Amino acid sequence: MNETTAEPLPAVGSPSSNQSALALLRRLEWRVRHAVENVLSGEYRSAFRGRGMEFDQVVKYEFGDDVRDIDWNVTARRGEPYRKKFVEEREVTLLLVFEDSPSLQFGSSALSKREALLELAGLVMLLGAVNRDRVGYVLASPQGYAVKEPVRGRGPILHAASTLLGAPPPPLDTGKGEVPPLLSAPGSAPSGQVESAAQPPLSGLRYPVSEIPWRLLARAAPKHSILIWLSDFPPRPAPEGWGVLQRRYSTMGFRVDDPWDRGLPPGDTLTAYDPLTGRLVTLDGSAGQRASHAEWVGRRATAFRGLFPDSLSRLVVGTEEPRLEALVRFFHARMRTRSRG
């Protein structure tokens, strides 16, 4: 599929940010429609769940029920007839959980991780709108959370998406005082205190836990909905109740990586500002720094796999990669696996 690199999101936090986000979504929409009509075909829906009859539960057989639905294993165990109950799945419900964090504001080039991840969220919401699905979201940050219940229709979904994309980022000094991994590496030291947060934070540093309402999420959408968690996914344990959500929903994790997430840049000494500690950090390319970063990368990958054991439920996109193309590859891979199964 041919696609030009997506343009960056507008600056957020200004009075016109929602209008700018809506204008960007409208420019992205034609590419989404083209992908659905000419590239994805039916794979978006098949990759998620699809329409049709879906198993719900086992209930007692009553006179007049279809004998073809009898569950003979349960019937044999309980000594009386039971049948499988099915429900008609008329629509797919997408629930996006966008975990906003100061570390997402890092970007080693023109595009920050936050801008790329928000664009990915917008593309998923537009796909839902084109396919007449219900789409909602939870926006969580260290300051709290906002919930938008699932809605259907192009207009309501576009409005919801523009609100999400136009939301201001959390303050960069939210986690001031926490010690990032690089500061403990041999050969690195802070270069002094600074007052301005003009530069983005170092990629991969620790940040405060966002206020994700996990208990609320357990009833925020119908059973068997699609829950897509978009986050920086630092190395950390699974949240309490994650197993319950995995049983209730089809869970997926979407992450955007900056090139510095994957490896420290080569070359001469660099100085980067870490707003989470309010310090300048010197990167001199020492073996200790690179070993510390590689160890963090490994722990992060392990934690991500622990949350989403199925490789087809994880999507990792680089800030330099076109997000729509990545989604197309993701749906193709899920479609091939479902067809083989």
C-alpha atoms as a PDB file:
ATOM      1  CA  MET A   1       0.000   0.000   0.000  1.00  0.00           C
ATOM      2  CA  ASN A   2       1.387   3.395  -0.902  1.00  0.00           C
ATOM      3  CA  GLU A   3       1.119   6.018   1.779  1.00  0.00           C
ATOM      4  CA  THR A   4       2.946   9.216   2.445  1.00  0.00           C
ATOM      5  CA  THR A   5       4.310   9.883   5.889  1.00  0.00           C
ATOM      6  CA  ALA A   6       1.540  11.197   8.097  1.00  0.00           C
ATOM      7  CA  GLU A   7       1.800  14.827   9.052  1.00  0.00           C
ATOM      8  CA  PRO A   8       2.392  15.600  12.725  1.00  0.00           C
ATOM      9  CA  LEU A   9      -0.458  16.457  15.027  1.00  0.00           C
ATOM     10  CA  PRO A  10      -1.159  20.101  15.835  1.00  0.00           C
ATOM     11  CA  ALA A  11       0.193  21.675  18.972  1.00  0.00           C
ATOM     12  CA  VAL A  12      -2.118  20.887  21.851  1.00  0.00           C
ATOM     13  CA  GLY A  13      -3.243  23.006  24.724  1.00  0.00           C
ATOM     14  CA  SER A  14      -4.290  26.028  22.671  1.00  0.00           C
ATOM     15  CA  PRO A  15      -7.924  27.164  22.239  1.00  0.00           C
ATOM     16  CA  SER A  16      -7.903  25.985  18.622  1.00  0.00           C
ATOM     17  CA  SER A  17      -6.370  22.557  19.316  1.00  0.00           C
ATOM     18  CA  ASN A  18      -9.677  20.669  19.018  1.00  0.00           C
ATOM     19  CA  GLN A  19     -10.498  22.382  15.715  1.00  0.00           C
ATOM     20  CA  SER A  20      -6.998  21.616  14.415  1.00  0.00           C
ATOM     21  CA  ALA A  21      -7.324  17.992  15.516  1.00  0.00           C
ATOM     22  CA  LEU A  22     -10.694  17.714  13.757  1.00  0.00           C
ATOM     23  CA  ALA A  23      -9.202  19.151  10.563  1.00  0.00           C
ATOM     24  CA  LEU A  24      -6.362  16.621  10.746  1.00  0.00           C
ATOM     25  CA  LEU A  25      -8.826  13.762  11.274  1.00  0.00           C
ATOM     26  CA  ARG A  26     -10.786  14.805   8.200  1.00  0.00           C
ATOM     27  CA  ARG A  27      -7.578  14.779   6.176  1.00  0.00           C
ATOM     28  CA  LEU A  28      -6.771  11.308   7.503  1.00  0.00           C
ATOM     29  CA  GLU A  29     -10.285  10.002   6.889  1.00  0.00           C
ATOM     30  CA  TRP A  30      -9.971   9.665   3.123  1.00  0.00           C
ATOM     31  CA  ARG A  31      -6.846   7.540   3.567  1.00  0.00           C
ATOM     32  CA  VAL A  32      -8.697   5.340   6.053  1.00  0.00           C
ATOM     33  CA  ARG A  33     -11.640   4.933   3.657  1.00  0.00           C
ATOM     34  CA  HIS A  34      -9.256   4.089   0.835  1.00  0.00           C
ATOM     35  CA  ALA A  35      -7.564   1.468   3.016  1.00  0.00           C
ATOM     36  CA  VAL A  36     -10.871  -0.108   4.049  1.00  0.00           C
ATOM     37  CA  GLU A  37     -12.309  -0.174   0.532  1.00  0.00           C
ATOM     38  CA  ASN A  38      -9.209  -1.110  -1.458  1.00  0.00           C
ATOM     39  CA  VAL A  39      -6.688  -2.710   0.894  1.00  0.00           C
ATOM     40  CA  LEU A  40      -8.257  -4.063   4.057  1.00  0.00           C
ATOM     41  CA  SER A  41     -11.519  -5.237   2.443  1.00  0.00           C
ATOM     42  CA  GLY A  42     -13.169  -7.290   5.207  1.00  0.00           C
ATOM     43  CA  GLU A  43      -9.990  -7.862   7.165  1.00  0.00           C
ATOM     44  CA  TYR A  44     -10.524  -5.095   9.709  1.00  0.00           C
ATOM     45  CA  ARG A  45     -13.687  -6.774  10.959  1.00  0.00           C
ATOM     46  CA  SER A  46     -12.382 -10.312  10.610  1.00  0.00           C
ATOM     47  CA  ALA A  47      -9.182  -9.378  12.423  1.00  0.00           C
ATOM     48  CA  PHE A  48     -11.190  -8.156  15.376  1.00  0.00           C
ATOM     49  CA  ARG A  49     -14.241 -10.363  15.622  1.00  0.00           C
ATOM     50  CA  GLY A  50     -16.725  -9.987  12.815  1.00  0.00           C
ATOM     51  CA  ARG A  51     -20.477 -10.142  12.680  1.00  0.00           C
ATOM     52  CA  GLY A  52     -22.510 -13.230  13.285  1.00  0.00           C
ATOM     53  CA  MET A  53     -23.577 -15.498  16.127  1.00  0.00           C
ATOM     54  CA  GLU A  54     -21.294 -15.752  19.130  1.00  0.00           C
ATOM     55  CA  PHE A  55     -21.293 -18.188  22.058  1.00  0.00           C
ATOM     56  CA  ASP A  56     -22.472 -16.527  25.286  1.00  0.00           C
ATOM     57  CA  GLN A  57     -23.038 -19.167  27.965  1.00  0.00           C
ATOM     58  CA  VAL A  58     -24.460 -22.625  28.759  1.00  0.00           C
ATOM     59  CA  VAL A  59     -28.085 -22.718  29.982  1.00  0.00           C
ATOM     60  CA  LYS A  60     -30.638 -25.409  30.809  1.00  0.00           C
ATOM     61  CA  TYR A  61     -32.382 -26.904  27.816  1.00  0.00           C
ATOM     62  CA  GLU A  62     -36.087 -26.077  27.620  1.00  0.00           C
ATOM     63  CA  PHE A  63     -38.806 -27.581  25.476  1.00  0.00           C
ATOM     64  CA  GLY A  64     -38.720 -26.017  22.024  1.00  0.00           C
ATOM     65  CA  ASP A  65     -35.012 -25.158  22.051  1.00  0.00           C
ATOM     66  CA  ASP A  66     -32.963 -26.283  19.066  1.00  0.00           C
ATOM     67  CA  VAL A  67     -31.557 -29.729  19.892  1.00  0.00           C
ATOM     68  CA  ARG A  68     -28.528 -28.924  17.739  1.00  0.00           C
ATOM     69  CA  ASP A  69     -27.408 -26.485  20.450  1.00  0.00           C
ATOM     70  CA  ILE A  70     -27.253 -29.122  23.194  1.00  0.00           C
ATOM     71  CA  ASP A  71     -23.857 -29.217  24.921  1.00  0.00           C
ATOM     72  CA  TRP A  72     -23.426 -32.961  25.380  1.00  0.00           C
ATOM     73  CA  ASN A  73     -20.350 -32.659  27.627  1.00  0.00           C
ATOM     74  CA  VAL A  74     -22.146 -30.449  30.153  1.00  0.00           C
ATOM     75  CA  THR A  75     -25.286 -32.558  29.845  1.00  0.00           C
ATOM     76  CA  ALA A  76     -23.314 -35.706  30.675  1.00  0.00           C
ATOM     77  CA  ARG A  77     -21.641 -34.098  33.699  1.00  0.00           C
ATOM     78  CA  ARG A  78     -24.825 -32.665  35.198  1.00  0.00           C
ATOM     79  CA  GLY A  79     -27.257 -35.413  34.306  1.00  0.00           C
ATOM     80  CA  GLU A  80     -29.796 -33.088  32.655  1.00  0.00           C
ATOM     81  CA  PRO A  81     -29.841 -31.389  29.254  1.00  0.00           C
ATOM     82  CA  TYR A  82     -27.969 -28.106  28.781  1.00  0.00           C
ATOM     83  CA  ARG A  83     -27.574 -26.125  25.618  1.00  0.00           C
ATOM     84  CA  LYS A  84     -25.222 -23.454  24.303  1.00  0.00           C
ATOM     85  CA  LYS A  85     -26.730 -19.999  24.186  1.00  0.00           C
ATOM     86  CA  PHE A  86     -25.620 -17.697  21.394  1.00  0.00           C
ATOM     87  CA  VAL A  87     -26.046 -13.975  20.969  1.00  0.00           C
ATOM     88  CA  GLU A  88     -26.158 -12.069  17.720  1.00  0.00           C
ATOM     89  CA  GLU A  89     -23.202  -9.755  17.402  1.00  0.00           C
ATOM     90  CA  ARG A  90     -24.560  -6.807  15.468  1.00  0.00           C
ATOM     91  CA  GLU A  91     -21.612  -4.492  15.986  1.00  0.00           C
ATOM     92  CA  VAL A  92     -18.097  -4.263  17.284  1.00  0.00           C
ATOM     93  CA  THR A  93     -17.413  -2.005  20.257  1.00  0.00           C
ATOM     94  CA  LEU A  94     -13.933  -0.487  20.453  1.00  0.00           C
ATOM     95  CA  LEU A  95     -12.749   0.911  23.774  1.00  0.00           C
ATOM     96  CA  LEU A  96      -9.431   2.755  23.613  1.00  0.00           C
ATOM     97  CA  VAL A  97      -7.400   3.334  26.768  1.00  0.00           C
ATOM     98  CA  PHE A  98      -4.902   6.123  26.067  1.00  0.00           C
ATOM     99  CA  GLU A  99      -2.358   6.311  28.863  1.00  0.00           C
ATOM    100  CA  ASP A 100      -0.863   9.783  28.627  1.00  0.00           C
ATOM    101  CA  SER A 101       2.490  10.270  30.335  1.00  0.00           C
ATOM    102  CA  PRO A 102       5.297  12.836  30.299  1.00  0.00           C
ATOM    103  CA  SER A 103       7.663  10.341  28.665  1.00  0.00           C
ATOM    104  CA  LEU A 104       5.448  10.258  25.560  1.00  0.00           C
ATOM    105  CA  GLN A 105       6.457  13.843  24.866  1.00  0.00           C
ATOM    106  CA  PHE A 106       9.964  12.756  23.968  1.00  0.00           C
ATOM    107  CA  GLY A 107      10.999  12.883  20.336  1.00  0.00           C
ATOM    108  CA  SER A 108      14.480  12.656  18.878  1.00  0.00           C
ATOM    109  CA  SER A 109      13.232  14.068  15.558  1.00  0.00           C
ATOM    110  CA  ALA A 110      10.314  16.178  14.364  1.00  0.00           C
ATOM    111  CA  LEU A 111       7.604  13.877  15.784  1.00  0.00           C
ATOM    112  CA  SER A 112       7.123  13.010  19.446  1.00  0.00           C
ATOM    113  CA  LYS A 113       5.901   9.634  20.623  1.00  0.00           C
ATOM    114  CA  ARG A 114       2.739  11.282  21.921  1.00  0.00           C
ATOM    115  CA  GLU A 115       1.905  12.789  18.529  1.00  0.00           C
ATOM    116  CA  ALA A 116       2.441   9.452  16.773  1.00  0.00           C
ATOM    117  CA  LEU A 117       0.457   7.476  19.369  1.00  0.00           C
ATOM    118  CA  LEU A 118      -2.441   9.940  19.238  1.00  0.00           C
ATOM    119  CA  GLU A 119      -2.478   9.638  15.463  1.00  0.00           C
ATOM    120  CA  LEU A 120      -2.595   5.853  15.799  1.00  0.00           C
ATOM    121  CA  ALA A 121      -5.547   6.205  18.183  1.00  0.00           C
ATOM    122  CA  GLY A 122      -7.286   8.528  15.736  1.00  0.00           C
ATOM    123  CA  LEU A 123      -6.798   6.088  12.876  1.00  0.00           C
ATOM    124  CA  VAL A 124      -8.330   3.238  14.897  1.00  0.00           C
ATOM    125  CA  MET A 125     -11.308   5.420  15.799  1.00  0.00           C
ATOM    126  CA  LEU A 126     -11.777   6.389  12.145  1.00  0.00           C
ATOM    127  CA  LEU A 127     -11.678   2.718  11.147  1.00  0.00           C
ATOM    128  CA  GLY A 128     -14.449   2.091  13.639  1.00  0.00           C
ATOM    129  CA  ALA A 129     -16.480   4.974  12.209  1.00  0.00           C
ATOM    130  CA  VAL A 130     -16.105   3.734   8.617  1.00  0.00           C
ATOM    131  CA  ASN A 131     -17.202   0.233   9.691  1.00  0.00           C
ATOM    132  CA  ARG A 132     -20.214   1.553  11.673  1.00  0.00           C
ATOM    133  CA  ASP A 133     -18.893   0.319  14.998  1.00  0.00           C
ATOM    134  CA  ARG A 134     -19.223   1.868  18.432  1.00  0.00           C
ATOM    135  CA  VAL A 135     -16.100   3.650  19.671  1.00  0.00           C
ATOM    136  CA  GLY A 136     -15.240   5.077  23.079  1.00  0.00           C
ATOM    137  CA  TYR A 137     -12.131   5.949  25.008  1.00  0.00           C
ATOM    138  CA  VAL A 138     -10.560   6.520  28.396  1.00  0.00           C
ATOM    139  CA  LEU A 139      -7.868   9.205  28.571  1.00  0.00           C
ATOM    140  CA  ALA A 140      -5.715   8.685  31.664  1.00  0.00           C
ATOM    141  CA  SER A 141      -2.799  10.733  32.959  1.00  0.00           C
ATOM    142  CA  PRO A 142      -1.100  11.322  36.323  1.00  0.00           C
ATOM    143  CA  GLN A 143      -3.650  14.115  36.879  1.00  0.00           C
ATOM    144  CA  GLY A 144      -6.722  11.900  36.503  1.00  0.00           C
ATOM    145  CA  TYR A 145      -8.875  10.442  33.761  1.00  0.00           C
ATOM    146  CA  ALA A 146     -11.734  11.255  31.393  1.00  0.00           C
ATOM    147  CA  VAL A 147     -14.200   8.734  29.969  1.00  0.00           C
ATOM    148  CA  LYS A 148     -16.120   8.905  26.705  1.00  0.00           C
ATOM    149  CA  GLU A 149     -18.739   6.181  26.442  1.00  0.00           C
ATOM    150  CA  PRO A 150     -18.839   4.249  23.132  1.00  0.00           C
ATOM    151  CA  VAL A 151     -20.761   6.091  20.419  1.00  0.00           C
ATOM    152  CA  ARG A 152     -21.741   5.188  16.865  1.00  0.00           C
ATOM    153  CA  GLY A 153     -21.773   7.304  13.734  1.00  0.00           C
ATOM    154  CA  ARG A 154     -19.240   9.353  11.830  1.00  0.00           C
ATOM    155  CA  GLY A 155     -20.085  12.684  13.483  1.00  0.00           C
ATOM    156  CA  PRO A 156     -20.029  11.549  17.131  1.00  0.00           C
ATOM    157  CA  ILE A 157     -16.868   9.463  16.620  1.00  0.00           C
ATOM    158  CA  LEU A 158     -15.083  12.324  14.834  1.00  0.00           C
ATOM    159  CA  HIS A 159     -16.016  14.634  17.692  1.00  0.00           C
ATOM    160  CA  ALA A 160     -14.769  12.119  20.265  1.00  0.00           C
ATOM    161  CA  ALA A 161     -11.522  11.596  18.371  1.00  0.00           C
ATOM    162  CA  SER A 162     -10.898  15.329  18.016  1.00  0.00           C
ATOM    163  CA  THR A 163     -11.445  15.758  21.755  1.00  0.00           C
ATOM    164  CA  LEU A 164      -8.903  13.040  22.470  1.00  0.00           C
ATOM    165  CA  LEU A 165      -6.336  14.392  20.012  1.00  0.00           C
ATOM    166  CA  GLY A 166      -6.832  17.938  21.251  1.00  0.00           C
ATOM    167  CA  ALA A 167      -6.361  17.127  24.940  1.00  0.00           C
ATOM    168  CA  PRO A 168      -3.400  18.951  26.527  1.00  0.00           C
ATOM    169  CA  PRO A 169      -0.481  16.759  27.620  1.00  0.00           C
ATOM    170  CA  PRO A 170       0.359  16.265  31.296  1.00  0.00           C
ATOM    171  CA  PRO A 171       2.855  18.737  32.763  1.00  0.00           C
ATOM    172  CA  LEU A 172       6.448  17.775  32.113  1.00  0.00           C
ATOM    173  CA  ASP A 173       7.455  18.248  35.737  1.00  0.00           C
ATOM    174  CA  THR A 174       4.837  15.814  37.057  1.00  0.00           C
ATOM    175  CA  GLY A 175       7.381  13.310  38.308  1.00  0.00           C
ATOM    176  CA  LYS A 176      10.172  15.650  39.403  1.00  0.00           C
ATOM    177  CA  GLY A 177      12.472  13.895  41.842  1.00  0.00           C
ATOM    178  CA  GLU A 178      12.337  10.372  40.422  1.00  0.00           C
ATOM    179  CA  VAL A 179      15.662   8.847  39.393  1.00  0.00           C
ATOM    180  CA  PRO A 180      15.900   7.654  35.775  1.00  0.00           C
ATOM    181  CA  PRO A 181      17.969   4.570  34.870  1.00  0.00           C
ATOM    182  CA  LEU A 182      20.594   6.521  32.948  1.00  0.00           C
ATOM    183  CA  LEU A 183      21.534   8.628  35.963  1.00  0.00           C
ATOM    184  CA  SER A 184      22.684   5.548  37.815  1.00  0.00           C
ATOM    185  CA  ALA A 185      24.836   4.317  34.944  1.00  0.00           C
ATOM    186  CA  PRO A 186      28.609   4.715  35.201  1.00  0.00           C
ATOM    187  CA  GLY A 187      29.939   7.664  33.288  1.00  0.00           C
ATOM    188  CA  SER A 188      26.729   9.735  33.372  1.00  0.00           C
ATOM    189  CA  ALA A 189      25.971  12.616  35.689  1.00  0.00           C
ATOM    190  CA  PRO A 190      23.527  15.487  35.870  1.00  0.00           C
ATOM    191  CA  SER A 191      24.812  18.725  34.456  1.00  0.00           C
ATOM    192  CA  GLY A 192      22.881  20.957  36.845  1.00  0.00           C
ATOM    193  CA  GLN A 193      19.417  22.205  37.532  1.00  0.00           C
ATOM    194  CA  VAL A 194      17.351  23.999  34.900  1.00  0.00           C
ATOM    195  CA  GLU A 195      14.130  25.945  35.076  1.00  0.00           C
ATOM    196  CA  SER A 196      12.735  25.574  31.576  1.00  0.00           C
ATOM    197  CA  ALA A 197      11.060  22.444  30.165  1.00  0.00           C
ATOM    198  CA  ALA A 198      11.577  23.464  26.568  1.00  0.00           C
ATOM    199  CA  GLN A 199      13.188  20.188  25.556  1.00  0.00           C
ATOM    200  CA  PRO A 200      11.512  16.771  25.711  1.00  0.00           C
ATOM    201  CA  PRO A 201      12.443  14.185  28.355  1.00  0.00           C
ATOM    202  CA  LEU A 202      14.797  11.314  27.824  1.00  0.00           C
ATOM    203  CA  SER A 203      13.063   8.350  26.250  1.00  0.00           C
ATOM    204  CA  GLY A 204      12.296   5.502  28.596  1.00  0.00           C
ATOM    205  CA  LEU A 205      12.696   7.249  31.941  1.00  0.00           C
ATOM    206  CA  ARG A 206      10.452   6.384  34.830  1.00  0.00           C
ATOM    207  CA  TYR A 207       7.267   8.358  35.165  1.00  0.00           C
ATOM    208  CA  PRO A 208       4.298   8.478  37.556  1.00  0.00           C
ATOM    209  CA  VAL A 209       1.557   5.926  37.147  1.00  0.00           C
ATOM    210  CA  SER A 210      -1.414   7.264  35.211  1.00  0.00           C
ATOM    211  CA  GLU A 211      -4.812   7.184  36.860  1.00  0.00           C
ATOM    212  CA  ILE A 212      -6.357   4.404  34.777  1.00  0.00           C
ATOM    213  CA  PRO A 213      -9.748   3.424  36.270  1.00  0.00           C
ATOM    214  CA  TRP A 214      -9.356  -0.344  35.903  1.00  0.00           C
ATOM    215  CA  ARG A 215     -12.472  -1.179  37.933  1.00  0.00           C
ATOM    216  CA  LEU A 216     -14.547   1.184  35.840  1.00  0.00           C
ATOM    217  CA  LEU A 217     -13.147  -0.377  32.664  1.00  0.00           C
ATOM    218  CA  ALA A 218     -14.492  -3.761  33.747  1.00  0.00           C
ATOM    219  CA  ARG A 219     -18.009  -2.485  32.990  1.00  0.00           C
ATOM    220  CA  ALA A 220     -17.360   0.368  30.567  1.00  0.00           C
ATOM    221  CA  ALA A 221     -18.226  -1.669  27.454  1.00  0.00           C
ATOM    222  CA  PRO A 222     -20.209  -4.813  26.616  1.00  0.00           C
ATOM    223  CA  LYS A 223     -18.650  -8.211  27.068  1.00  0.00           C
ATOM    224  CA  HIS A 224     -16.419  -9.315  24.157  1.00  0.00           C
ATOM    225  CA  SER A 225     -15.650  -5.724  23.168  1.00  0.00           C
ATOM    226  CA  ILE A 226     -12.202  -4.807  21.877  1.00  0.00           C
ATOM    227  CA  LEU A 227     -10.018  -3.026  24.444  1.00  0.00           C
ATOM    228  CA  ILE A 228      -6.952  -1.353  22.937  1.00  0.00           C
ATOM    229  CA  TRP A 229      -4.439  -0.030  25.457  1.00  0.00           C
ATOM    230  CA  LEU A 230      -2.169   2.658  23.975  1.00  0.00           C
ATOM    231  CA  SER A 231       0.793   3.503  26.181  1.00  0.00           C
ATOM    232  CA  ASP A 232       4.545   3.877  26.528  1.00  0.00           C
ATOM    233  CA  PHE A 233       4.471   0.543  28.441  1.00  0.00           C
ATOM    234  CA  PRO A 234       7.445   0.912  30.767  1.00  0.00           C
ATOM    235  CA  PRO A 235       8.685  -2.218  32.586  1.00  0.00           C
ATOM    236  CA  ARG A 236       6.209  -2.719  35.433  1.00  0.00           C
ATOM    237  CA  PRO A 237       3.851  -5.379  36.800  1.00  0.00           C
ATOM    238  CA  ALA A 238       0.420  -5.959  35.303  1.00  0.00           C
ATOM    239  CA  PRO A 239      -2.297  -3.807  36.890  1.00  0.00           C
ATOM    240  CA  GLU A 240      -4.601  -5.308  39.462  1.00  0.00           C
ATOM    241  CA  GLY A 241      -7.559  -6.976  37.786  1.00  0.00           C
ATOM    242  CA  TRP A 242      -5.877  -7.253  34.395  1.00  0.00           C
ATOM    243  CA  GLY A 243      -6.775 -10.945  34.187  1.00  0.00           C
ATOM    244  CA  VAL A 244     -10.461 -10.101  34.636  1.00  0.00           C
ATOM    245  CA  LEU A 245     -10.312  -7.587  31.782  1.00  0.00           C
ATOM    246  CA  GLN A 246      -8.587 -10.109  29.533  1.00  0.00           C
ATOM    247  CA  ARG A 247     -11.406 -12.571  30.118  1.00  0.00           C
ATOM    248  CA  ARG A 248     -14.102  -9.965  29.514  1.00  0.00           C
ATOM    249  CA  TYR A 249     -12.556  -8.221  26.496  1.00  0.00           C
ATOM    250  CA  SER A 250     -10.310  -8.971  23.573  1.00  0.00           C
ATOM    251  CA  THR A 251      -7.265  -6.988  24.726  1.00  0.00           C
ATOM    252  CA  MET A 252      -4.577  -5.456  22.507  1.00  0.00           C
ATOM    253  CA  GLY A 253      -1.590  -3.242  23.228  1.00  0.00           C
ATOM    254  CA  PHE A 254      -0.372  -0.502  20.860  1.00  0.00           C
ATOM    255  CA  ARG A 255       2.988   1.201  21.473  1.00  0.00           C
ATOM    256  CA  VAL A 256       5.011   3.803  19.579  1.00  0.00           C
ATOM    257  CA  ASP A 257       8.807   3.802  19.908  1.00  0.00           C
ATOM    258  CA  ASP A 258      11.287   6.558  19.244  1.00  0.00           C
ATOM    259  CA  PRO A 259      14.601   5.394  17.704  1.00  0.00           C
ATOM    260  CA  TRP A 260      16.261   6.270  21.026  1.00  0.00           C
ATOM    261  CA  ASP A 261      13.975   3.748  22.735  1.00  0.00           C
ATOM    262  CA  ARG A 262      15.652   0.996  20.752  1.00  0.00           C
ATOM    263  CA  GLY A 263      19.224   2.173  21.192  1.00  0.00           C
ATOM    264  CA  LEU A 264      21.165   5.227  22.307  1.00  0.00           C
ATOM    265  CA  PRO A 265      22.394   7.336  19.411  1.00  0.00           C
ATOM    266  CA  PRO A 266      25.990   6.865  18.287  1.00  0.00           C
ATOM    267  CA  GLY A 267      28.488   9.700  18.161  1.00  0.00           C
ATOM    268  CA  ASP A 268      29.746  12.411  20.433  1.00  0.00           C
ATOM    269  CA  THR A 269      28.547  13.478  23.846  1.00  0.00           C
ATOM    270  CA  LEU A 270      24.950  14.698  23.984  1.00  0.00           C
ATOM    271  CA  THR A 271      23.085  16.560  26.692  1.00  0.00           C
ATOM    272  CA  ALA A 272      19.349  16.032  27.134  1.00  0.00           C
ATOM    273  CA  TYR A 273      16.912  17.537  29.589  1.00  0.00           C
ATOM    274  CA  ASP A 274      14.930  15.223  31.858  1.00  0.00           C
ATOM    275  CA  PRO A 275      11.892  17.143  33.157  1.00  0.00           C
ATOM    276  CA  LEU A 276      10.960  14.251  35.435  1.00  0.00           C
ATOM    277  CA  THR A 277      13.975  15.097  37.607  1.00  0.00           C
ATOM    278  CA  GLY A 278      14.582  18.680  36.491  1.00  0.00           C
ATOM    279  CA  ARG A 279      18.142  17.859  35.431  1.00  0.00           C
ATOM    280  CA  LEU A 280      20.359  17.847  32.404  1.00  0.00           C
ATOM    281  CA  VAL A 281      21.698  14.375  31.652  1.00  0.00           C
ATOM    282  CA  THR A 282      24.949  13.837  29.788  1.00  0.00           C
ATOM    283  CA  LEU A 283      25.038  10.960  27.309  1.00  0.00           C
ATOM    284  CA  ASP A 284      28.647  10.189  26.462  1.00  0.00           C
ATOM    285  CA  GLY A 285      28.104   6.827  24.762  1.00  0.00           C
ATOM    286  CA  SER A 286      29.895   4.915  27.522  1.00  0.00           C
ATOM    287  CA  ALA A 287      29.580   1.155  27.811  1.00  0.00           C
ATOM    288  CA  GLY A 288      27.840   1.549  31.157  1.00  0.00           C
ATOM    289  CA  GLN A 289      25.164   3.784  29.742  1.00  0.00           C
ATOM    290  CA  ARG A 290      24.539   1.513  26.787  1.00  0.00           C
ATOM    291  CA  ALA A 291      24.407  -1.565  29.029  1.00  0.00           C
ATOM    292  CA  SER A 292      21.907   0.187  31.318  1.00  0.00           C
ATOM    293  CA  HIS A 293      19.746   1.183  28.367  1.00  0.00           C
ATOM    294  CA  ALA A 294      19.878  -2.310  26.831  1.00  0.00           C
ATOM    295  CA  GLU A 295      18.847  -3.822  30.164  1.00  0.00           C
ATOM    296  CA  TRP A 296      15.867  -1.444  30.330  1.00  0.00           C
ATOM    297  CA  VAL A 297      14.879  -2.330  26.750  1.00  0.00           C
ATOM    298  CA  GLY A 298      14.893  -6.030  27.672  1.00  0.00           C
ATOM    299  CA  ARG A 299      12.772  -5.519  30.800  1.00  0.00           C
ATOM    300  CA  ARG A 300      10.331  -3.379  28.863  1.00  0.00           C
ATOM    301  CA  ALA A 301       9.908  -6.012  26.140  1.00  0.00           C
ATOM    302  CA  THR A 302       9.389  -8.747  28.742  1.00  0.00           C
ATOM    303  CA  ALA A 303       6.725  -6.730  30.571  1.00  0.00           C
ATOM    304  CA  PHE A 304       4.917  -5.958  27.297  1.00  0.00           C
ATOM    305  CA  ARG A 305       4.843  -9.645  26.347  1.00  0.00           C
ATOM    306  CA  GLY A 306       3.546 -10.459  29.827  1.00  0.00           C
ATOM    307  CA  LEU A 307       0.574  -8.141  29.365  1.00  0.00           C
ATOM    308  CA  PHE A 308      -0.184  -9.408  25.854  1.00  0.00           C
ATOM    309  CA  PRO A 309       1.163 -12.989  25.469  1.00  0.00           C
ATOM    310  CA  ASP A 310      -0.308 -13.392  21.988  1.00  0.00           C
ATOM    311  CA  SER A 311       2.088 -11.748  19.527  1.00  0.00           C
ATOM    312  CA  LEU A 312      -0.902 -10.836  17.340  1.00  0.00           C
ATOM    313  CA  SER A 313      -2.310  -8.701  20.151  1.00  0.00           C
ATOM    314  CA  ARG A 314       0.789  -6.456  20.271  1.00  0.00           C
ATOM    315  CA  LEU A 315       1.582  -3.641  17.850  1.00  0.00           C
ATOM    316  CA  VAL A 316       4.825  -1.648  18.058  1.00  0.00           C
ATOM    317  CA  VAL A 317       5.353   1.198  15.591  1.00  0.00           C
ATOM    318  CA  GLY A 318       8.322   3.514  15.253  1.00  0.00           C
ATOM    319  CA  THR A 319       7.774   7.257  15.107  1.00  0.00           C
ATOM    320  CA  GLU A 320       9.440   7.167  11.699  1.00  0.00           C
ATOM    321  CA  GLU A 321       6.992   4.560  10.338  1.00  0.00           C
ATOM    322  CA  PRO A 322       3.607   5.316   8.691  1.00  0.00           C
ATOM    323  CA  ARG A 323       0.963   4.391  11.239  1.00  0.00           C
ATOM    324  CA  LEU A 324      -1.753   3.358   8.766  1.00  0.00           C
ATOM    325  CA  GLU A 325       0.591   0.942   7.014  1.00  0.00           C
ATOM    326  CA  ALA A 326       1.428  -0.584  10.388  1.00  0.00           C
ATOM    327  CA  LEU A 327      -2.284  -1.066  11.128  1.00  0.00           C
ATOM    328  CA  VAL A 328      -2.791  -2.729   7.736  1.00  0.00           C
ATOM    329  CA  ARG A 329       0.043  -5.183   8.438  1.00  0.00           C
ATOM    330  CA  PHE A 330      -1.426  -5.845  11.878  1.00  0.00           C
ATOM    331  CA  PHE A 331      -4.853  -6.701  10.439  1.00  0.00           C
ATOM    332  CA  HIS A 332      -3.330  -8.818   7.663  1.00  0.00           C
ATOM    333  CA  ALA A 333      -1.410 -10.894  10.209  1.00  0.00           C
ATOM    334  CA  ARG A 334      -4.479 -11.448  12.402  1.00  0.00           C
ATOM    335  CA  MET A 335      -6.588 -12.310   9.356  1.00  0.00           C
ATOM    336  CA  ARG A 336      -4.112 -14.936   8.133  1.00  0.00           C
ATOM    337  CA  THR A 337      -4.004 -16.580  11.546  1.00  0.00           C
ATOM    338  CA  ARG A 338      -7.803 -16.653  11.877  1.00  0.00           C
ATOM    339  CA  SER A 339      -8.206 -18.139   8.406  1.00  0.00           C
ATOM    340  CA  ARG A 340      -5.693 -20.900   9.180  1.00  0.00           C
ATOM    341  CA  GLY A 341      -7.436 -21.637  12.441  1.00  0.00           C
END
